[in-house]
Amino acid sequence: MKQTTRWDIINGELVREFYFNDYTVVILFVNKVMEIAQAQKHHPEITISYNKVVLAIHEHDTASISDKCHKFAETVNALDC
């Protein structure tokens, strides 16, 4: 199975937590993630709190982690955060 750096596999999903200094930066990050998701046509679950964002992604049709999931995760990893 392929592994993506800094992401964990939890309950059949790729999951990563991101921490920020304040809510404004959180929202800027989520907007960048949304652009990636739209471009790749692959959308994560996003949980937002004051200084934390949790992304979880899997194939909804097959309930599995696909190459698309790894591509999404690697693209998010490339963000400056």
N, C-alpha and C. Protein backbone atom coordinates (compact mmCIF):
# COMPACT_ATOMS: atom_id res chain seq x y z
N MET A 1 0.84 -1.19 0.00
CA MET A 1 0.00 0.00 0.00
C MET A 1 0.89 1.25 0.00
N LYS A 2 0.53 2.20 -0.82
CA LYS A 2 1.27 3.45 -0.89
C LYS A 2 1.08 4.24 0.41
N GLN A 3 2.13 4.94 0.84
CA GLN A 3 2.03 5.79 2.01
C GLN A 3 2.29 7.24 1.60
N THR A 4 1.56 8.13 2.21
CA THR A 4 1.75 9.55 1.97
C THR A 4 2.28 10.18 3.26
N THR A 5 3.39 10.87 3.16
CA THR A 5 4.05 11.46 4.32
C THR A 5 3.12 12.38 5.09
N ARG A 6 3.15 12.26 6.39
CA ARG A 6 2.44 13.09 7.36
C ARG A 6 0.93 12.82 7.44
N TRP A 7 0.45 11.84 6.72
CA TRP A 7 -0.96 11.46 6.78
C TRP A 7 -1.06 10.09 7.44
N ASP A 8 -2.09 9.92 8.26
CA ASP A 8 -2.34 8.64 8.90
C ASP A 8 -3.52 7.96 8.21
N ILE A 9 -3.56 6.66 8.31
CA ILE A 9 -4.74 5.93 7.84
C ILE A 9 -5.57 5.60 9.07
N ILE A 10 -6.77 6.17 9.10
CA ILE A 10 -7.68 5.99 10.23
C ILE A 10 -9.05 5.62 9.68
N ASN A 11 -9.55 4.49 10.08
CA ASN A 11 -10.88 4.03 9.64
C ASN A 11 -11.04 4.09 8.13
N GLY A 12 -10.02 3.66 7.41
CA GLY A 12 -10.11 3.59 5.95
C GLY A 12 -10.01 4.91 5.23
N GLU A 13 -9.50 5.94 5.90
CA GLU A 13 -9.32 7.25 5.28
C GLU A 13 -7.90 7.74 5.51
N LEU A 14 -7.41 8.58 4.60
CA LEU A 14 -6.19 9.34 4.85
C LEU A 14 -6.59 10.54 5.69
N VAL A 15 -5.89 10.75 6.81
CA VAL A 15 -6.26 11.82 7.74
C VAL A 15 -5.00 12.58 8.14
N ARG A 16 -5.14 13.90 8.18
CA ARG A 16 -4.04 14.74 8.67
C ARG A 16 -4.62 15.92 9.43
N GLU A 17 -3.96 16.28 10.53
CA GLU A 17 -4.31 17.47 11.32
C GLU A 17 -3.31 18.57 11.02
N PHE A 18 -3.82 19.78 10.90
CA PHE A 18 -3.00 20.97 10.66
C PHE A 18 -3.29 21.97 11.78
N TYR A 19 -2.24 22.58 12.31
CA TYR A 19 -2.40 23.57 13.38
C TYR A 19 -1.88 24.92 12.91
N PHE A 20 -2.60 25.99 13.29
CA PHE A 20 -2.26 27.34 12.86
C PHE A 20 -2.31 28.29 14.05
N ASN A 21 -1.79 29.50 13.83
CA ASN A 21 -1.75 30.49 14.91
C ASN A 21 -3.08 31.16 15.19
N ASP A 22 -3.90 31.30 14.17
CA ASP A 22 -5.19 31.95 14.39
C ASP A 22 -6.21 31.54 13.33
N TYR A 23 -7.43 31.94 13.57
CA TYR A 23 -8.56 31.53 12.73
C TYR A 23 -8.46 32.06 11.31
N THR A 24 -7.92 33.25 11.14
CA THR A 24 -7.78 33.82 9.80
C THR A 24 -6.91 32.93 8.91
N VAL A 25 -5.82 32.44 9.45
CA VAL A 25 -4.93 31.56 8.70
C VAL A 25 -5.62 30.23 8.42
N VAL A 26 -6.42 29.76 9.35
CA VAL A 26 -7.19 28.53 9.15
C VAL A 26 -8.08 28.67 7.92
N ILE A 27 -8.80 29.76 7.83
CA ILE A 27 -9.72 29.97 6.71
C ILE A 27 -8.96 30.12 5.39
N LEU A 28 -7.84 30.80 5.39
CA LEU A 28 -7.02 30.91 4.18
C LEU A 28 -6.57 29.53 3.71
N PHE A 29 -6.15 28.70 4.65
CA PHE A 29 -5.73 27.34 4.33
C PHE A 29 -6.90 26.53 3.75
N VAL A 30 -8.04 26.60 4.38
CA VAL A 30 -9.21 25.84 3.91
C VAL A 30 -9.59 26.28 2.50
N ASN A 31 -9.48 27.56 2.20
CA ASN A 31 -9.76 28.03 0.84
C ASN A 31 -8.78 27.44 -0.17
N LYS A 32 -7.50 27.30 0.20
CA LYS A 32 -6.52 26.67 -0.69
C LYS A 32 -6.86 25.19 -0.90
N VAL A 33 -7.27 24.53 0.17
CA VAL A 33 -7.67 23.12 0.07
C VAL A 33 -8.89 22.98 -0.84
N MET A 34 -9.82 23.90 -0.73
CA MET A 34 -11.00 23.86 -1.58
C MET A 34 -10.62 23.99 -3.05
N GLU A 35 -9.66 24.85 -3.37
CA GLU A 35 -9.21 25.00 -4.75
C GLU A 35 -8.59 23.71 -5.28
N ILE A 36 -7.81 23.04 -4.45
CA ILE A 36 -7.22 21.76 -4.83
C ILE A 36 -8.32 20.73 -5.07
N ALA A 37 -9.26 20.65 -4.15
CA ALA A 37 -10.36 19.69 -4.26
C ALA A 37 -11.17 19.92 -5.54
N GLN A 38 -11.46 21.17 -5.84
CA GLN A 38 -12.23 21.49 -7.04
C GLN A 38 -11.44 21.12 -8.30
N ALA A 39 -10.16 21.44 -8.32
CA ALA A 39 -9.33 21.16 -9.49
C ALA A 39 -9.19 19.65 -9.72
N GLN A 40 -9.09 18.88 -8.64
CA GLN A 40 -8.91 17.44 -8.75
C GLN A 40 -10.23 16.67 -8.76
N LYS A 41 -11.32 17.40 -8.53
CA LYS A 41 -12.64 16.77 -8.43
C LYS A 41 -12.64 15.61 -7.43
N HIS A 42 -12.04 15.91 -6.28
CA HIS A 42 -11.93 14.92 -5.20
C HIS A 42 -11.97 15.70 -3.90
N HIS A 43 -13.02 15.52 -3.12
CA HIS A 43 -13.30 16.41 -2.01
C HIS A 43 -13.18 15.72 -0.65
N PRO A 44 -12.40 16.33 0.25
CA PRO A 44 -12.21 15.74 1.58
C PRO A 44 -13.31 16.16 2.53
N GLU A 45 -13.36 15.47 3.65
CA GLU A 45 -14.14 15.96 4.78
C GLU A 45 -13.22 16.95 5.49
N ILE A 46 -13.76 18.09 5.88
CA ILE A 46 -12.97 19.13 6.53
C ILE A 46 -13.61 19.48 7.86
N THR A 47 -12.83 19.39 8.92
CA THR A 47 -13.28 19.80 10.24
C THR A 47 -12.46 21.01 10.64
N ILE A 48 -13.15 22.09 10.98
CA ILE A 48 -12.49 23.37 11.28
C ILE A 48 -12.76 23.75 12.73
N SER A 49 -11.69 24.14 13.43
CA SER A 49 -11.84 24.77 14.74
C SER A 49 -10.95 26.00 14.76
N TYR A 50 -10.84 26.64 15.89
CA TYR A 50 -10.14 27.92 15.95
C TYR A 50 -8.75 27.88 15.35
N ASN A 51 -7.94 26.91 15.74
CA ASN A 51 -6.56 26.88 15.25
C ASN A 51 -6.20 25.53 14.61
N LYS A 52 -7.19 24.73 14.28
CA LYS A 52 -6.93 23.38 13.80
C LYS A 52 -7.86 23.04 12.63
N VAL A 53 -7.29 22.34 11.65
CA VAL A 53 -8.07 21.80 10.54
C VAL A 53 -7.74 20.32 10.43
N VAL A 54 -8.75 19.50 10.31
CA VAL A 54 -8.56 18.07 10.09
C VAL A 54 -9.12 17.74 8.71
N LEU A 55 -8.28 17.15 7.88
CA LEU A 55 -8.71 16.69 6.56
C LEU A 55 -8.77 15.17 6.57
N ALA A 56 -9.82 14.62 6.00
CA ALA A 56 -9.96 13.17 5.85
C ALA A 56 -10.49 12.91 4.45
N ILE A 57 -9.86 11.97 3.74
CA ILE A 57 -10.27 11.71 2.37
C ILE A 57 -10.24 10.22 2.06
N HIS A 58 -11.23 9.81 1.30
CA HIS A 58 -11.32 8.44 0.79
C HIS A 58 -12.25 8.46 -0.42
N GLU A 59 -12.29 7.35 -1.13
CA GLU A 59 -13.23 7.22 -2.25
C GLU A 59 -14.60 6.90 -1.68
N HIS A 60 -15.56 7.77 -1.92
CA HIS A 60 -16.89 7.57 -1.37
C HIS A 60 -17.59 6.36 -1.99
N ASP A 61 -17.33 6.11 -3.26
CA ASP A 61 -17.99 4.99 -3.94
C ASP A 61 -17.52 3.63 -3.44
N THR A 62 -16.24 3.51 -3.14
CA THR A 62 -15.68 2.22 -2.77
C THR A 62 -15.24 2.15 -1.30
N ALA A 63 -15.36 3.25 -0.59
CA ALA A 63 -14.94 3.33 0.81
C ALA A 63 -13.50 2.85 0.98
N SER A 64 -12.63 3.30 0.07
CA SER A 64 -11.22 2.90 0.13
C SER A 64 -10.33 4.10 -0.18
N ILE A 65 -9.04 3.92 0.02
CA ILE A 65 -8.06 4.96 -0.29
C ILE A 65 -7.50 4.64 -1.67
N SER A 66 -7.59 5.62 -2.56
CA SER A 66 -7.15 5.42 -3.95
C SER A 66 -5.93 6.27 -4.27
N ASP A 67 -5.43 6.10 -5.49
CA ASP A 67 -4.35 6.95 -5.96
C ASP A 67 -4.78 8.41 -5.98
N LYS A 68 -6.07 8.66 -6.27
CA LYS A 68 -6.58 10.04 -6.23
C LYS A 68 -6.45 10.64 -4.84
N CYS A 69 -6.68 9.83 -3.82
CA CYS A 69 -6.55 10.30 -2.44
C CYS A 69 -5.11 10.67 -2.14
N HIS A 70 -4.18 9.82 -2.57
CA HIS A 70 -2.76 10.10 -2.34
C HIS A 70 -2.33 11.35 -3.12
N LYS A 71 -2.83 11.51 -4.33
CA LYS A 71 -2.50 12.70 -5.13
C LYS A 71 -2.99 13.95 -4.41
N PHE A 72 -4.23 13.90 -3.91
CA PHE A 72 -4.78 15.04 -3.16
C PHE A 72 -3.89 15.35 -1.96
N ALA A 73 -3.55 14.32 -1.17
CA ALA A 73 -2.75 14.51 0.04
C ALA A 73 -1.38 15.10 -0.29
N GLU A 74 -0.75 14.60 -1.33
CA GLU A 74 0.56 15.11 -1.71
C GLU A 74 0.48 16.57 -2.18
N THR A 75 -0.60 16.93 -2.86
CA THR A 75 -0.77 18.31 -3.29
C THR A 75 -0.98 19.22 -2.08
N VAL A 76 -1.76 18.78 -1.11
CA VAL A 76 -1.94 19.56 0.12
C VAL A 76 -0.61 19.66 0.86
N ASN A 77 0.16 18.59 0.90
CA ASN A 77 1.48 18.64 1.56
C ASN A 77 2.38 19.72 0.96
N ALA A 78 2.20 19.99 -0.32
CA ALA A 78 3.05 20.98 -1.01
C ALA A 78 2.68 22.42 -0.67
N LEU A 79 1.52 22.62 -0.03
CA LEU A 79 1.14 23.99 0.38
C LEU A 79 2.12 24.49 1.42
N ASP A 80 2.33 25.78 1.45
CA ASP A 80 3.24 26.38 2.42
C ASP A 80 2.48 26.59 3.74
N CYS A 81 2.47 25.55 4.57
CA CYS A 81 1.75 25.66 5.85
C CYS A 81 2.46 24.88 6.93
